[in-house]
Amino acid sequence: MSGYEFSHWADIITKFGFPVIALIGLGSFIWYIWKWVTNQVNPSLDKAGASLGKLKKQIQALDNDMIRLDMKLKILIQERHIIDKNRKELISEKEKPH
């Protein structure tokens, strides 16, 4: 900072007081942050929320498919046990002497 800039800010602080200058600086910082959040962050969050909603629906659909496939697999395993049991009974009946 050059001597002119320092004396310029010192004169302003002397004229208006440090609390007023600090309030103006803090207010401009808060204004900048508020504009940044409303113009850049909020739209990005909205897009992310929409994508998250779509992803949630797809995961629910996949979960339902997994449940259906699990049920089909259990039914097929039960049928396989029944068929194997009947096959063993048929084999044992054929081997029995009449």
Protein backbone atom coordinates (compact mmCIF):
# COMPACT_ATOMS: atom_id res chain seq x y z
CA MET A 1 0.00 0.00 0.00
CA SER A 2 1.42 3.34 -0.94
CA GLY A 3 1.47 6.31 1.41
CA TYR A 4 -1.35 8.00 -0.48
CA GLU A 5 -3.69 5.00 -0.19
CA PHE A 6 -2.93 4.61 3.50
CA SER A 7 -3.56 8.27 4.25
CA HIS A 8 -6.71 8.18 2.12
CA TRP A 9 -8.19 5.28 4.12
CA ALA A 10 -6.97 6.82 7.38
CA ASP A 11 -8.78 10.07 6.49
CA ILE A 12 -11.98 8.15 5.66
CA ILE A 13 -11.83 6.19 8.93
CA THR A 14 -11.16 9.43 10.84
CA LYS A 15 -14.08 11.16 9.16
CA PHE A 16 -16.70 8.41 9.45
CA GLY A 17 -15.34 6.20 12.24
CA PHE A 18 -14.14 2.62 12.20
CA PRO A 19 -17.53 1.01 13.03
CA VAL A 20 -19.22 2.65 10.05
CA ILE A 21 -16.44 1.69 7.63
CA ALA A 22 -16.36 -1.86 9.03
CA LEU A 23 -20.14 -2.08 8.67
CA ILE A 24 -19.95 -0.97 5.04
CA GLY A 25 -17.16 -3.48 4.32
CA LEU A 26 -19.00 -6.32 6.03
CA GLY A 27 -22.24 -5.37 4.28
CA SER A 28 -20.57 -5.46 0.87
CA PHE A 29 -19.02 -8.84 1.69
CA ILE A 30 -22.40 -10.26 2.77
CA TRP A 31 -24.02 -8.81 -0.39
CA TYR A 32 -21.37 -10.47 -2.57
CA ILE A 33 -21.83 -13.84 -0.83
CA TRP A 34 -25.65 -13.59 -1.05
CA LYS A 35 -25.52 -12.83 -4.79
CA TRP A 36 -23.09 -15.71 -5.36
CA VAL A 37 -25.27 -18.17 -3.47
CA THR A 38 -28.50 -17.13 -5.19
CA ASN A 39 -27.01 -16.99 -8.70
CA GLN A 40 -24.65 -19.97 -8.69
CA VAL A 41 -25.18 -22.31 -5.76
CA ASN A 42 -29.00 -22.53 -5.68
CA PRO A 43 -29.40 -23.46 -9.38
CA SER A 44 -26.72 -26.13 -8.98
CA LEU A 45 -28.48 -27.52 -5.92
CA ASP A 46 -31.79 -27.59 -7.81
CA LYS A 47 -30.20 -29.58 -10.64
CA ALA A 48 -28.59 -31.96 -8.17
CA GLY A 49 -31.91 -32.44 -6.38
CA ALA A 50 -33.67 -33.31 -9.64
CA SER A 51 -30.92 -35.78 -10.54
CA LEU A 52 -31.11 -37.29 -7.07
CA GLY A 53 -34.87 -37.76 -7.41
CA LYS A 54 -34.44 -39.58 -10.73
CA LEU A 55 -31.69 -41.74 -9.26
CA LYS A 56 -33.89 -42.63 -6.29
CA LYS A 57 -36.69 -43.78 -8.62
CA GLN A 58 -34.26 -45.91 -10.62
CA ILE A 59 -32.86 -47.50 -7.46
CA GLN A 60 -36.39 -48.29 -6.25
CA ALA A 61 -37.19 -49.90 -9.61
CA LEU A 62 -34.00 -51.99 -9.41
CA ASP A 63 -34.85 -52.98 -5.85
CA ASN A 64 -38.30 -54.13 -6.95
CA ASP A 65 -36.73 -56.11 -9.79
CA MET A 66 -34.33 -57.75 -7.34
CA ILE A 67 -37.22 -58.72 -5.07
CA ARG A 68 -39.13 -60.24 -8.01
CA LEU A 69 -36.06 -62.14 -9.20
CA ASP A 70 -35.41 -63.41 -5.68
CA MET A 71 -38.98 -64.70 -5.46
CA LYS A 72 -38.66 -66.43 -8.85
CA LEU A 73 -35.37 -67.99 -7.79
CA LYS A 74 -36.90 -69.32 -4.55
CA ILE A 75 -39.82 -70.81 -6.48
CA LEU A 76 -37.45 -72.46 -8.96
CA ILE A 77 -35.35 -73.90 -6.13
CA GLN A 78 -38.48 -75.29 -4.46
CA GLU A 79 -39.63 -76.79 -7.75
CA ARG A 80 -36.18 -78.32 -8.25
CA HIS A 81 -36.36 -79.94 -4.79
CA ILE A 82 -39.82 -81.33 -5.56
CA ILE A 83 -38.67 -82.69 -8.93
CA ASP A 84 -35.57 -84.26 -7.36
CA LYS A 85 -37.70 -85.81 -4.61
CA ASN A 86 -40.17 -87.24 -7.14
CA ARG A 87 -37.30 -88.54 -9.28
CA LYS A 88 -35.77 -90.34 -6.29
CA GLU A 89 -39.14 -91.85 -5.45
CA LEU A 90 -39.59 -93.08 -9.03
CA ILE A 91 -36.12 -94.61 -9.05
CA SER A 92 -36.69 -96.33 -5.72
CA GLU A 93 -40.07 -97.69 -6.93
CA LYS A 94 -38.47 -99.12 -10.07
CA GLU A 95 -35.80 -100.85 -8.01
CA LYS A 96 -38.31 -102.50 -5.64
CA PRO A 97 -39.25 -106.06 -6.54
CA HIS A 98 -42.98 -106.59 -7.08
